[in-house]
Amino acid sequence: MHVKHPRIPLAAGATALVAVVALLLAPTPLRSQLEATVLDPPATAPTVAPPPAATTPSSTAAGVDPAGRGADRTRDDARLPGTTEPGTLPPVVDHGPRTGGKVALTFDADMTDAMRRQLRGPNPPSYANLAIVELLERQRVPATFFLTGKWVREYPELTRRLAANPRFELANHTYGHDAFTSDCYHLAPLPRREMTADVARTFDVIAPYGGRQTRYFRFPGLCHDRAALAELAPLGLTVVDGDVVSGDPFARYWQPIVRAVLSQVRPGSVIILHVTEANAPMTDEALPHILAGLAERGLEPAPLSEVLGEPTRVAPRS
């Protein structure tokens, strides 16, 4: 895999900047959500079915256990893709080897407190794009999903569905999509003392679903510095940015998304997309064209661990 020196990704391109700012500022979805989903919370404060039981990481002044599950770290955890030596600065990767023809489709599942409030209001939007999941399932396309803990809490059944698919990997995108630097696209900054526990808690929330678990982590907005990396050192993880930014958040047409992906993609690429329908309403329209364009270029989607050259393992469901 391609390992970078820790740095703040100051720009992922003008398209990405505009897209992420729009993601935070636009409260209204640009396209109606799928009516077929039964996973969306109802308009009035719902009772969400609880996910499988997960433990709360035990925190101390110095952080939490390297595995993010207190003293319960198992040997299986240490073999998960993305696992690194606890206590060392996490590696930051953009892409895999530029040989062969594999690329990784990665989908971020964001969920902020503001998004959750919209789910409790009238005419709640959908932040779970079932059309994407159904297309990937139908065409048997591998993908890796970077999940926020709050998204998992809102969509436990869909999370179970993702975990049950042997072609899908599950990764960590923080608990509530807060920023890990002071200036990150207007995201609310997370206090440094809370960073370790936030990421550990998210691993805890995801782990009980089983399936293809990983120790991959993506910062919101791709914003990080050496201080943020140092806070995650106890967790033994790998930070994954990406070298192909699709610009799909709040895109009004699918064509620019397709052009952005196909103009940047190369063997070993890590493609950043979103599965949050209301905030990325055209991604499902773009995806079939992206898949066709990849095939024309002789590129094949694969799980992130395979693109980065790591073995894949299925974690037992607890």
C-alpha atoms as a PDB file:
ATOM      1  CA  MET A   1       0.000   0.000   0.000  1.00  0.00           C
ATOM      2  CA  HIS A   2       1.058   3.610  -0.427  1.00  0.00           C
ATOM      3  CA  VAL A   3       1.874   5.087   2.979  1.00  0.00           C
ATOM      4  CA  LYS A   4       2.071   8.842   3.377  1.00  0.00           C
ATOM      5  CA  HIS A   5       3.770  10.908   6.017  1.00  0.00           C
ATOM      6  CA  PRO A   6       1.168  12.304   8.442  1.00  0.00           C
ATOM      7  CA  ARG A   7      -0.224  15.550   7.153  1.00  0.00           C
ATOM      8  CA  ILE A   8      -3.350  17.624   6.921  1.00  0.00           C
ATOM      9  CA  PRO A   9      -5.021  17.071   3.547  1.00  0.00           C
ATOM     10  CA  LEU A  10      -5.318  20.808   2.825  1.00  0.00           C
ATOM     11  CA  ALA A  11      -7.220  20.261  -0.407  1.00  0.00           C
ATOM     12  CA  ALA A  12      -8.785  17.341  -2.151  1.00  0.00           C
ATOM     13  CA  GLY A  13      -9.647  19.605  -5.059  1.00  0.00           C
ATOM     14  CA  ALA A  14     -12.110  22.408  -5.538  1.00  0.00           C
ATOM     15  CA  THR A  15     -14.904  19.957  -6.207  1.00  0.00           C
ATOM     16  CA  ALA A  16     -14.467  18.239  -2.869  1.00  0.00           C
ATOM     17  CA  LEU A  17     -14.340  21.530  -0.943  1.00  0.00           C
ATOM     18  CA  VAL A  18     -17.561  22.809  -2.472  1.00  0.00           C
ATOM     19  CA  ALA A  19     -19.226  19.456  -1.931  1.00  0.00           C
ATOM     20  CA  VAL A  20     -18.313  19.131   1.717  1.00  0.00           C
ATOM     21  CA  VAL A  21     -19.316  22.719   2.541  1.00  0.00           C
ATOM     22  CA  ALA A  22     -22.636  22.063   0.855  1.00  0.00           C
ATOM     23  CA  LEU A  23     -23.007  18.880   2.861  1.00  0.00           C
ATOM     24  CA  LEU A  24     -22.855  20.836   6.095  1.00  0.00           C
ATOM     25  CA  LEU A  25     -24.910  23.857   5.095  1.00  0.00           C
ATOM     26  CA  ALA A  26     -27.766  22.512   3.020  1.00  0.00           C
ATOM     27  CA  PRO A  27     -30.478  21.148   5.313  1.00  0.00           C
ATOM     28  CA  THR A  28     -32.936  20.019   2.640  1.00  0.00           C
ATOM     29  CA  PRO A  29     -32.399  16.945   0.450  1.00  0.00           C
ATOM     30  CA  LEU A  30     -32.396  17.668  -3.290  1.00  0.00           C
ATOM     31  CA  ARG A  31     -34.218  14.520  -4.251  1.00  0.00           C
ATOM     32  CA  SER A  32     -36.966  12.491  -2.573  1.00  0.00           C
ATOM     33  CA  GLN A  33     -35.827   9.469  -0.684  1.00  0.00           C
ATOM     34  CA  LEU A  34     -36.701   5.977  -1.793  1.00  0.00           C
ATOM     35  CA  GLU A  35     -40.235   5.211  -0.704  1.00  0.00           C
ATOM     36  CA  ALA A  36     -39.499   1.519  -0.573  1.00  0.00           C
ATOM     37  CA  THR A  37     -37.259   1.675   2.498  1.00  0.00           C
ATOM     38  CA  VAL A  38     -38.651   0.543   5.787  1.00  0.00           C
ATOM     39  CA  LEU A  39     -35.410   1.330   7.563  1.00  0.00           C
ATOM     40  CA  ASP A  40     -35.914   5.068   7.834  1.00  0.00           C
ATOM     41  CA  PRO A  41     -37.110   6.315  11.227  1.00  0.00           C
ATOM     42  CA  PRO A  42     -40.708   7.624  11.240  1.00  0.00           C
ATOM     43  CA  ALA A  43     -41.397  11.323  11.496  1.00  0.00           C
ATOM     44  CA  THR A  44     -42.195  11.213  15.188  1.00  0.00           C
ATOM     45  CA  ALA A  45     -39.507  10.321  17.662  1.00  0.00           C
ATOM     46  CA  PRO A  46     -39.115   6.607  16.962  1.00  0.00           C
ATOM     47  CA  THR A  47     -37.933   3.754  19.027  1.00  0.00           C
ATOM     48  CA  VAL A  48     -34.974   2.398  17.084  1.00  0.00           C
ATOM     49  CA  ALA A  49     -34.341  -1.307  17.342  1.00  0.00           C
ATOM     50  CA  PRO A  50     -31.157  -1.722  19.352  1.00  0.00           C
ATOM     51  CA  PRO A  51     -28.128  -3.274  17.631  1.00  0.00           C
ATOM     52  CA  PRO A  52     -26.373  -6.283  19.080  1.00  0.00           C
ATOM     53  CA  ALA A  53     -24.943  -5.625  22.512  1.00  0.00           C
ATOM     54  CA  ALA A  54     -21.617  -3.807  22.490  1.00  0.00           C
ATOM     55  CA  THR A  55     -19.337  -2.921  25.323  1.00  0.00           C
ATOM     56  CA  THR A  56     -18.334   0.612  26.200  1.00  0.00           C
ATOM     57  CA  PRO A  57     -14.601   1.208  26.015  1.00  0.00           C
ATOM     58  CA  SER A  58     -13.033   1.835  29.369  1.00  0.00           C
ATOM     59  CA  SER A  59     -11.260   5.167  29.228  1.00  0.00           C
ATOM     60  CA  THR A  60      -8.475   6.514  31.295  1.00  0.00           C
ATOM     61  CA  ALA A  61      -6.560   9.751  31.360  1.00  0.00           C
ATOM     62  CA  ALA A  62      -4.222   8.256  28.777  1.00  0.00           C
ATOM     63  CA  GLY A  63      -6.996   6.975  26.501  1.00  0.00           C
ATOM     64  CA  VAL A  64      -8.458   3.519  26.033  1.00  0.00           C
ATOM     65  CA  ASP A  65      -7.279   0.021  25.387  1.00  0.00           C
ATOM     66  CA  PRO A  66      -5.463  -0.313  22.049  1.00  0.00           C
ATOM     67  CA  ALA A  67      -8.199  -2.495  20.596  1.00  0.00           C
ATOM     68  CA  GLY A  68     -10.939  -0.048  21.521  1.00  0.00           C
ATOM     69  CA  ARG A  69     -12.743  -2.678  23.618  1.00  0.00           C
ATOM     70  CA  GLY A  70     -11.135  -2.327  27.031  1.00  0.00           C
ATOM     71  CA  ALA A  71      -9.488  -5.541  28.180  1.00  0.00           C
ATOM     72  CA  ASP A  72     -11.490  -7.638  25.709  1.00  0.00           C
ATOM     73  CA  ARG A  73      -9.133  -7.374  22.768  1.00  0.00           C
ATOM     74  CA  THR A  74      -8.805 -10.798  21.175  1.00  0.00           C
ATOM     75  CA  ARG A  75      -6.279 -12.397  18.936  1.00  0.00           C
ATOM     76  CA  ASP A  76      -8.805 -12.156  16.108  1.00  0.00           C
ATOM     77  CA  ASP A  77      -8.771  -8.356  16.462  1.00  0.00           C
ATOM     78  CA  ALA A  78      -5.016  -8.250  15.964  1.00  0.00           C
ATOM     79  CA  ARG A  79      -5.399  -9.985  12.602  1.00  0.00           C
ATOM     80  CA  LEU A  80      -8.032  -7.659  11.159  1.00  0.00           C
ATOM     81  CA  PRO A  81      -7.031  -5.710   8.022  1.00  0.00           C
ATOM     82  CA  GLY A  82      -5.647  -2.308   8.934  1.00  0.00           C
ATOM     83  CA  THR A  83      -4.323  -3.401  12.321  1.00  0.00           C
ATOM     84  CA  THR A  84      -1.059  -1.721  13.283  1.00  0.00           C
ATOM     85  CA  GLU A  85       1.163  -1.802  16.343  1.00  0.00           C
ATOM     86  CA  PRO A  86      -0.602   0.013  19.212  1.00  0.00           C
ATOM     87  CA  GLY A  87       1.339   3.000  20.460  1.00  0.00           C
ATOM     88  CA  THR A  88       2.817   3.874  17.076  1.00  0.00           C
ATOM     89  CA  LEU A  89       1.664   6.773  14.911  1.00  0.00           C
ATOM     90  CA  PRO A  90      -1.003   5.385  12.543  1.00  0.00           C
ATOM     91  CA  PRO A  91       0.020   5.133   8.898  1.00  0.00           C
ATOM     92  CA  VAL A  92      -1.973   7.271   6.452  1.00  0.00           C
ATOM     93  CA  VAL A  93      -2.670   5.747   3.043  1.00  0.00           C
ATOM     94  CA  ASP A  94      -4.152   7.177  -0.139  1.00  0.00           C
ATOM     95  CA  HIS A  95      -4.095   4.162  -2.424  1.00  0.00           C
ATOM     96  CA  GLY A  96      -2.754   0.684  -2.977  1.00  0.00           C
ATOM     97  CA  PRO A  97      -0.047  -0.566  -5.359  1.00  0.00           C
ATOM     98  CA  ARG A  98      -0.325   0.838  -8.877  1.00  0.00           C
ATOM     99  CA  THR A  99      -0.060  -2.637 -10.357  1.00  0.00           C
ATOM    100  CA  GLY A 100      -2.848  -4.941 -11.431  1.00  0.00           C
ATOM    101  CA  GLY A 101      -6.371  -3.715 -11.983  1.00  0.00           C
ATOM    102  CA  LYS A 102      -8.068  -3.491  -8.586  1.00  0.00           C
ATOM    103  CA  VAL A 103      -9.690  -0.358  -7.168  1.00  0.00           C
ATOM    104  CA  ALA A 104     -11.666   0.213  -3.965  1.00  0.00           C
ATOM    105  CA  LEU A 105     -15.153   1.683  -3.879  1.00  0.00           C
ATOM    106  CA  THR A 106     -15.579   3.244  -0.432  1.00  0.00           C
ATOM    107  CA  PHE A 107     -18.819   4.753   0.843  1.00  0.00           C
ATOM    108  CA  ASP A 108     -18.949   7.118   3.820  1.00  0.00           C
ATOM    109  CA  ALA A 109     -22.037   6.906   6.035  1.00  0.00           C
ATOM    110  CA  ASP A 110     -22.066  10.282   7.788  1.00  0.00           C
ATOM    111  CA  MET A 111     -24.387  11.133  10.668  1.00  0.00           C
ATOM    112  CA  THR A 112     -24.189  14.357  12.661  1.00  0.00           C
ATOM    113  CA  ASP A 113     -26.440  15.635  15.426  1.00  0.00           C
ATOM    114  CA  ALA A 114     -27.996  18.064  12.938  1.00  0.00           C
ATOM    115  CA  MET A 115     -28.826  15.189  10.605  1.00  0.00           C
ATOM    116  CA  ARG A 116     -30.357  13.240  13.477  1.00  0.00           C
ATOM    117  CA  ARG A 117     -32.566  16.207  14.365  1.00  0.00           C
ATOM    118  CA  GLN A 118     -33.889  16.221  10.797  1.00  0.00           C
ATOM    119  CA  LEU A 119     -34.796  12.562  11.184  1.00  0.00           C
ATOM    120  CA  ARG A 120     -36.940  13.501  14.206  1.00  0.00           C
ATOM    121  CA  GLY A 121     -38.730  16.319  12.400  1.00  0.00           C
ATOM    122  CA  PRO A 122     -41.553  16.409   9.864  1.00  0.00           C
ATOM    123  CA  ASN A 123     -40.890  14.820   6.474  1.00  0.00           C
ATOM    124  CA  PRO A 124     -37.672  13.166   7.602  1.00  0.00           C
ATOM    125  CA  PRO A 125     -35.075  12.579   4.891  1.00  0.00           C
ATOM    126  CA  SER A 126     -33.262   9.326   4.266  1.00  0.00           C
ATOM    127  CA  TYR A 127     -29.570   9.058   4.998  1.00  0.00           C
ATOM    128  CA  ALA A 128     -29.476   5.448   3.825  1.00  0.00           C
ATOM    129  CA  ASN A 129     -29.336   5.053   0.055  1.00  0.00           C
ATOM    130  CA  LEU A 130     -30.787   1.615  -0.519  1.00  0.00           C
ATOM    131  CA  ALA A 131     -30.464   1.938  -4.293  1.00  0.00           C
ATOM    132  CA  ILE A 132     -26.674   1.894  -3.902  1.00  0.00           C
ATOM    133  CA  VAL A 133     -26.719  -1.170  -1.681  1.00  0.00           C
ATOM    134  CA  GLU A 134     -29.160  -2.999  -3.961  1.00  0.00           C
ATOM    135  CA  LEU A 135     -27.064  -2.280  -7.056  1.00  0.00           C
ATOM    136  CA  LEU A 136     -23.893  -3.522  -5.387  1.00  0.00           C
ATOM    137  CA  GLU A 137     -25.717  -6.636  -4.199  1.00  0.00           C
ATOM    138  CA  ARG A 138     -27.330  -7.309  -7.561  1.00  0.00           C
ATOM    139  CA  GLN A 139     -24.082  -6.982  -9.504  1.00  0.00           C
ATOM    140  CA  ARG A 140     -22.008  -8.647  -6.765  1.00  0.00           C
ATOM    141  CA  VAL A 141     -19.685  -5.659  -6.483  1.00  0.00           C
ATOM    142  CA  PRO A 142     -17.330  -5.473  -3.473  1.00  0.00           C
ATOM    143  CA  ALA A 143     -17.251  -2.254  -1.449  1.00  0.00           C
ATOM    144  CA  THR A 144     -16.043  -0.872   1.870  1.00  0.00           C
ATOM    145  CA  PHE A 145     -18.342   1.195   4.087  1.00  0.00           C
ATOM    146  CA  PHE A 146     -16.908   3.788   6.502  1.00  0.00           C
ATOM    147  CA  LEU A 147     -19.633   3.995   9.153  1.00  0.00           C
ATOM    148  CA  THR A 148     -20.225   6.610  11.817  1.00  0.00           C
ATOM    149  CA  GLY A 149     -21.494   5.188  15.078  1.00  0.00           C
ATOM    150  CA  LYS A 150     -24.593   7.367  15.007  1.00  0.00           C
ATOM    151  CA  TRP A 151     -25.462   6.138  11.499  1.00  0.00           C
ATOM    152  CA  VAL A 152     -25.227   2.554  12.736  1.00  0.00           C
ATOM    153  CA  ARG A 153     -27.533   3.433  15.641  1.00  0.00           C
ATOM    154  CA  GLU A 154     -30.087   4.926  13.231  1.00  0.00           C
ATOM    155  CA  TYR A 155     -29.905   2.099  10.679  1.00  0.00           C
ATOM    156  CA  PRO A 156     -29.173  -1.127  12.575  1.00  0.00           C
ATOM    157  CA  GLU A 157     -31.005  -3.374  10.116  1.00  0.00           C
ATOM    158  CA  LEU A 158     -29.140  -1.947   7.147  1.00  0.00           C
ATOM    159  CA  THR A 159     -25.885  -2.347   9.054  1.00  0.00           C
ATOM    160  CA  ARG A 160     -26.747  -6.017   9.596  1.00  0.00           C
ATOM    161  CA  ARG A 161     -27.407  -6.311   5.871  1.00  0.00           C
ATOM    162  CA  LEU A 162     -24.028  -4.806   5.021  1.00  0.00           C
ATOM    163  CA  ALA A 163     -22.244  -7.053   7.502  1.00  0.00           C
ATOM    164  CA  ALA A 164     -23.966 -10.146   6.138  1.00  0.00           C
ATOM    165  CA  ASN A 165     -22.612  -9.556   2.635  1.00  0.00           C
ATOM    166  CA  PRO A 166     -19.231 -11.299   2.228  1.00  0.00           C
ATOM    167  CA  ARG A 167     -18.228  -8.744  -0.412  1.00  0.00           C
ATOM    168  CA  PHE A 168     -18.609  -5.760   1.927  1.00  0.00           C
ATOM    169  CA  GLU A 169     -16.109  -4.528   4.517  1.00  0.00           C
ATOM    170  CA  LEU A 170     -16.953  -2.336   7.507  1.00  0.00           C
ATOM    171  CA  ALA A 171     -14.678   0.516   8.603  1.00  0.00           C
ATOM    172  CA  ASN A 172     -14.746   3.433  11.058  1.00  0.00           C
ATOM    173  CA  HIS A 173     -15.706   7.063  10.284  1.00  0.00           C
ATOM    174  CA  THR A 174     -15.949   8.389  13.914  1.00  0.00           C
ATOM    175  CA  TYR A 175     -19.005   8.335  16.128  1.00  0.00           C
ATOM    176  CA  GLY A 176     -20.667  11.643  15.201  1.00  0.00           C
ATOM    177  CA  HIS A 177     -18.648  13.078  12.283  1.00  0.00           C
ATOM    178  CA  ASP A 178     -16.979  15.790  14.354  1.00  0.00           C
ATOM    179  CA  ALA A 179     -13.756  17.433  13.202  1.00  0.00           C
ATOM    180  CA  PHE A 180     -10.355  16.325  14.456  1.00  0.00           C
ATOM    181  CA  THR A 181      -8.740  19.668  13.590  1.00  0.00           C
ATOM    182  CA  SER A 182      -9.776  23.213  14.477  1.00  0.00           C
ATOM    183  CA  ASP A 183     -10.649  24.220  10.900  1.00  0.00           C
ATOM    184  CA  CYS A 184     -12.410  21.516   8.897  1.00  0.00           C
ATOM    185  CA  TYR A 185     -15.243  22.657   6.643  1.00  0.00           C
ATOM    186  CA  HIS A 186     -17.210  24.158   9.554  1.00  0.00           C
ATOM    187  CA  LEU A 187     -17.519  20.815  11.314  1.00  0.00           C
ATOM    188  CA  ALA A 188     -17.812  21.036  15.090  1.00  0.00           C
ATOM    189  CA  PRO A 189     -14.345  20.336  16.520  1.00  0.00           C
ATOM    190  CA  LEU A 190     -13.953  17.382  18.843  1.00  0.00           C
ATOM    191  CA  PRO A 191     -11.831  18.116  21.931  1.00  0.00           C
ATOM    192  CA  ARG A 192      -8.493  16.400  21.684  1.00  0.00           C
ATOM    193  CA  ARG A 193      -8.999  14.571  24.973  1.00  0.00           C
ATOM    194  CA  GLU A 194     -12.101  12.876  23.489  1.00  0.00           C
ATOM    195  CA  MET A 195     -10.625  11.719  20.183  1.00  0.00           C
ATOM    196  CA  THR A 196      -9.331   8.323  21.268  1.00  0.00           C
ATOM    197  CA  ALA A 197     -12.553   7.348  23.018  1.00  0.00           C
ATOM    198  CA  ASP A 198     -14.698   8.580  20.096  1.00  0.00           C
ATOM    199  CA  VAL A 199     -12.987   6.299  17.592  1.00  0.00           C
ATOM    200  CA  ALA A 200     -12.775   3.394  20.051  1.00  0.00           C
ATOM    201  CA  ARG A 201     -16.495   3.725  20.761  1.00  0.00           C
ATOM    202  CA  THR A 202     -17.256   3.487  17.042  1.00  0.00           C
ATOM    203  CA  PHE A 203     -15.266   0.274  16.690  1.00  0.00           C
ATOM    204  CA  ASP A 204     -17.297  -1.017  19.653  1.00  0.00           C
ATOM    205  CA  VAL A 205     -20.583  -0.135  17.957  1.00  0.00           C
ATOM    206  CA  ILE A 206     -19.627  -1.778  14.659  1.00  0.00           C
ATOM    207  CA  ALA A 207     -17.874  -4.899  15.964  1.00  0.00           C
ATOM    208  CA  PRO A 208     -20.911  -6.910  17.158  1.00  0.00           C
ATOM    209  CA  TYR A 209     -22.342  -6.972  13.634  1.00  0.00           C
ATOM    210  CA  GLY A 210     -19.548  -9.319  12.531  1.00  0.00           C
ATOM    211  CA  GLY A 211     -18.818  -9.797   8.849  1.00  0.00           C
ATOM    212  CA  ARG A 212     -15.667  -8.368   7.332  1.00  0.00           C
ATOM    213  CA  GLN A 213     -14.476  -6.090  10.111  1.00  0.00           C
ATOM    214  CA  THR A 214     -11.389  -3.909   9.678  1.00  0.00           C
ATOM    215  CA  ARG A 215      -9.202  -1.504  11.638  1.00  0.00           C
ATOM    216  CA  TYR A 216      -9.462   1.118   8.888  1.00  0.00           C
ATOM    217  CA  PHE A 217     -10.420   4.657   9.871  1.00  0.00           C
ATOM    218  CA  ARG A 218     -11.285   7.785   7.861  1.00  0.00           C
ATOM    219  CA  PHE A 219     -11.291  11.291   9.343  1.00  0.00           C
ATOM    220  CA  PRO A 220     -14.326  13.498   8.577  1.00  0.00           C
ATOM    221  CA  GLY A 221     -13.410  15.844   5.769  1.00  0.00           C
ATOM    222  CA  LEU A 222     -10.063  13.986   5.579  1.00  0.00           C
ATOM    223  CA  CYS A 223      -8.853  16.603   8.078  1.00  0.00           C
ATOM    224  CA  HIS A 224      -6.076  15.516  10.400  1.00  0.00           C
ATOM    225  CA  ASP A 225      -2.744  16.637  11.771  1.00  0.00           C
ATOM    226  CA  ARG A 226       0.013  15.011  13.772  1.00  0.00           C
ATOM    227  CA  ALA A 227      -1.751  15.741  17.052  1.00  0.00           C
ATOM    228  CA  ALA A 228      -4.891  13.910  15.913  1.00  0.00           C
ATOM    229  CA  LEU A 229      -2.831  10.972  14.686  1.00  0.00           C
ATOM    230  CA  ALA A 230      -1.045  10.822  18.021  1.00  0.00           C
ATOM    231  CA  GLU A 231      -4.385  10.572  19.837  1.00  0.00           C
ATOM    232  CA  LEU A 232      -5.274   7.519  17.726  1.00  0.00           C
ATOM    233  CA  ALA A 233      -1.928   5.785  18.229  1.00  0.00           C
ATOM    234  CA  PRO A 234      -3.232   3.590  21.096  1.00  0.00           C
ATOM    235  CA  LEU A 235      -5.912   2.094  18.837  1.00  0.00           C
ATOM    236  CA  GLY A 236      -3.682   0.196  16.406  1.00  0.00           C
ATOM    237  CA  LEU A 237      -5.416   1.322  13.212  1.00  0.00           C
ATOM    238  CA  THR A 238      -4.670   2.545   9.678  1.00  0.00           C
ATOM    239  CA  VAL A 239      -5.940   5.918   8.445  1.00  0.00           C
ATOM    240  CA  VAL A 240      -7.371   5.778   4.922  1.00  0.00           C
ATOM    241  CA  ASP A 241      -7.828   8.974   2.935  1.00  0.00           C
ATOM    242  CA  GLY A 242      -8.255   8.257  -0.788  1.00  0.00           C
ATOM    243  CA  ASP A 243      -6.899   9.479  -4.090  1.00  0.00           C
ATOM    244  CA  VAL A 244     -10.207   9.811  -6.008  1.00  0.00           C
ATOM    245  CA  VAL A 245     -12.659  12.353  -4.574  1.00  0.00           C
ATOM    246  CA  SER A 246     -16.000  11.999  -6.347  1.00  0.00           C
ATOM    247  CA  GLY A 247     -17.577  15.264  -5.196  1.00  0.00           C
ATOM    248  CA  ASP A 248     -20.915  13.503  -4.799  1.00  0.00           C
ATOM    249  CA  PRO A 249     -22.274  15.366  -1.721  1.00  0.00           C
ATOM    250  CA  PHE A 250     -25.190  17.516  -2.925  1.00  0.00           C
ATOM    251  CA  ALA A 251     -24.306  17.127  -6.586  1.00  0.00           C
ATOM    252  CA  ARG A 252     -27.309  18.088  -8.697  1.00  0.00           C
ATOM    253  CA  TYR A 253     -26.413  15.882 -11.650  1.00  0.00           C
ATOM    254  CA  TRP A 254     -24.765  12.488 -11.901  1.00  0.00           C
ATOM    255  CA  GLN A 255     -22.489  13.331 -14.839  1.00  0.00           C
ATOM    256  CA  PRO A 256     -19.922  15.426 -12.879  1.00  0.00           C
ATOM    257  CA  ILE A 257     -19.565  12.630 -10.333  1.00  0.00           C
ATOM    258  CA  VAL A 258     -18.795  10.121 -13.071  1.00  0.00           C
ATOM    259  CA  ARG A 259     -16.304  12.471 -14.734  1.00  0.00           C
ATOM    260  CA  ALA A 260     -14.561  13.192 -11.437  1.00  0.00           C
ATOM    261  CA  VAL A 261     -14.091   9.495 -10.703  1.00  0.00           C
ATOM    262  CA  LEU A 262     -13.124   8.263 -14.155  1.00  0.00           C
ATOM    263  CA  SER A 263     -10.731  11.147 -14.788  1.00  0.00           C
ATOM    264  CA  GLN A 264      -8.735  10.389 -11.630  1.00  0.00           C
ATOM    265  CA  VAL A 265      -8.940   6.623 -11.210  1.00  0.00           C
ATOM    266  CA  ARG A 266      -5.883   4.417 -11.630  1.00  0.00           C
ATOM    267  CA  PRO A 267      -4.949   0.895 -10.554  1.00  0.00           C
ATOM    268  CA  GLY A 268      -4.891   0.807  -6.763  1.00  0.00           C
ATOM    269  CA  SER A 269      -7.166   3.840  -6.371  1.00  0.00           C
ATOM    270  CA  VAL A 270      -9.380   4.402  -3.345  1.00  0.00           C
ATOM    271  CA  ILE A 271     -12.603   6.095  -4.518  1.00  0.00           C
ATOM    272  CA  ILE A 272     -14.546   8.201  -1.989  1.00  0.00           C
ATOM    273  CA  LEU A 273     -18.349   8.175  -2.345  1.00  0.00           C
ATOM    274  CA  HIS A 274     -21.276   8.555   0.072  1.00  0.00           C
ATOM    275  CA  VAL A 275     -24.239   6.354   0.949  1.00  0.00           C
ATOM    276  CA  THR A 276     -26.168   9.164   2.683  1.00  0.00           C
ATOM    277  CA  GLU A 277     -28.978   9.691   0.187  1.00  0.00           C
ATOM    278  CA  ALA A 278     -30.271  13.085   1.306  1.00  0.00           C
ATOM    279  CA  ASN A 279     -26.787  14.600   1.315  1.00  0.00           C
ATOM    280  CA  ALA A 280     -25.567  12.760  -1.775  1.00  0.00           C
ATOM    281  CA  PRO A 281     -28.727  12.409  -3.853  1.00  0.00           C
ATOM    282  CA  MET A 282     -27.167  11.539  -7.214  1.00  0.00           C
ATOM    283  CA  THR A 283     -24.660   8.879  -6.189  1.00  0.00           C
ATOM    284  CA  ASP A 284     -26.976   5.995  -7.060  1.00  0.00           C
ATOM    285  CA  GLU A 285     -27.512   7.523 -10.510  1.00  0.00           C
ATOM    286  CA  ALA A 286     -23.786   7.863 -11.051  1.00  0.00           C
ATOM    287  CA  LEU A 287     -22.772   4.439  -9.776  1.00  0.00           C
ATOM    288  CA  PRO A 288     -23.838   2.327 -12.799  1.00  0.00           C
ATOM    289  CA  HIS A 289     -21.896   4.654 -15.100  1.00  0.00           C
ATOM    290  CA  ILE A 290     -18.867   4.519 -12.799  1.00  0.00           C
ATOM    291  CA  LEU A 291     -18.939   0.721 -12.819  1.00  0.00           C
ATOM    292  CA  ALA A 292     -19.229   0.652 -16.610  1.00  0.00           C
ATOM    293  CA  GLY A 293     -16.354   3.120 -16.963  1.00  0.00           C
ATOM    294  CA  LEU A 294     -14.142   1.091 -14.646  1.00  0.00           C
ATOM    295  CA  ALA A 295     -14.830  -2.046 -16.695  1.00  0.00           C
ATOM    296  CA  GLU A 296     -13.938  -0.217 -19.914  1.00  0.00           C
ATOM    297  CA  ARG A 297     -10.598   0.704 -18.361  1.00  0.00           C
ATOM    298  CA  GLY A 298      -9.913  -2.842 -17.241  1.00  0.00           C
ATOM    299  CA  LEU A 299     -10.366  -1.940 -13.571  1.00  0.00           C
ATOM    300  CA  GLU A 300     -12.203  -4.170 -11.111  1.00  0.00           C
ATOM    301  CA  PRO A 301     -13.708  -3.125  -7.746  1.00  0.00           C
ATOM    302  CA  ALA A 302     -12.345  -5.060  -4.774  1.00  0.00           C
ATOM    303  CA  PRO A 303     -12.547  -4.756  -0.995  1.00  0.00           C
ATOM    304  CA  LEU A 304     -10.238  -2.088   0.389  1.00  0.00           C
ATOM    305  CA  SER A 305      -8.074  -4.659   2.157  1.00  0.00           C
ATOM    306  CA  GLU A 306      -7.375  -6.398  -1.145  1.00  0.00           C
ATOM    307  CA  VAL A 307      -6.577  -3.143  -2.924  1.00  0.00           C
ATOM    308  CA  LEU A 308      -4.137  -2.251  -0.159  1.00  0.00           C
ATOM    309  CA  GLY A 309      -2.617  -5.711  -0.371  1.00  0.00           C
ATOM    310  CA  GLU A 310      -3.851  -7.102   2.951  1.00  0.00           C
ATOM    311  CA  PRO A 311      -5.503 -10.466   3.598  1.00  0.00           C
ATOM    312  CA  THR A 312      -9.221 -10.458   4.367  1.00  0.00           C
ATOM    313  CA  ARG A 313     -10.844 -12.297   7.262  1.00  0.00           C
ATOM    314  CA  VAL A 314     -14.423 -12.683   8.403  1.00  0.00           C
ATOM    315  CA  ALA A 315     -14.943 -11.763  12.042  1.00  0.00           C
ATOM    316  CA  PRO A 316     -17.345 -13.925  14.066  1.00  0.00           C
ATOM    317  CA  ARG A 317     -20.615 -12.249  14.991  1.00  0.00           C
ATOM    318  CA  SER A 318     -21.031 -11.913  18.732  1.00  0.00           C
END
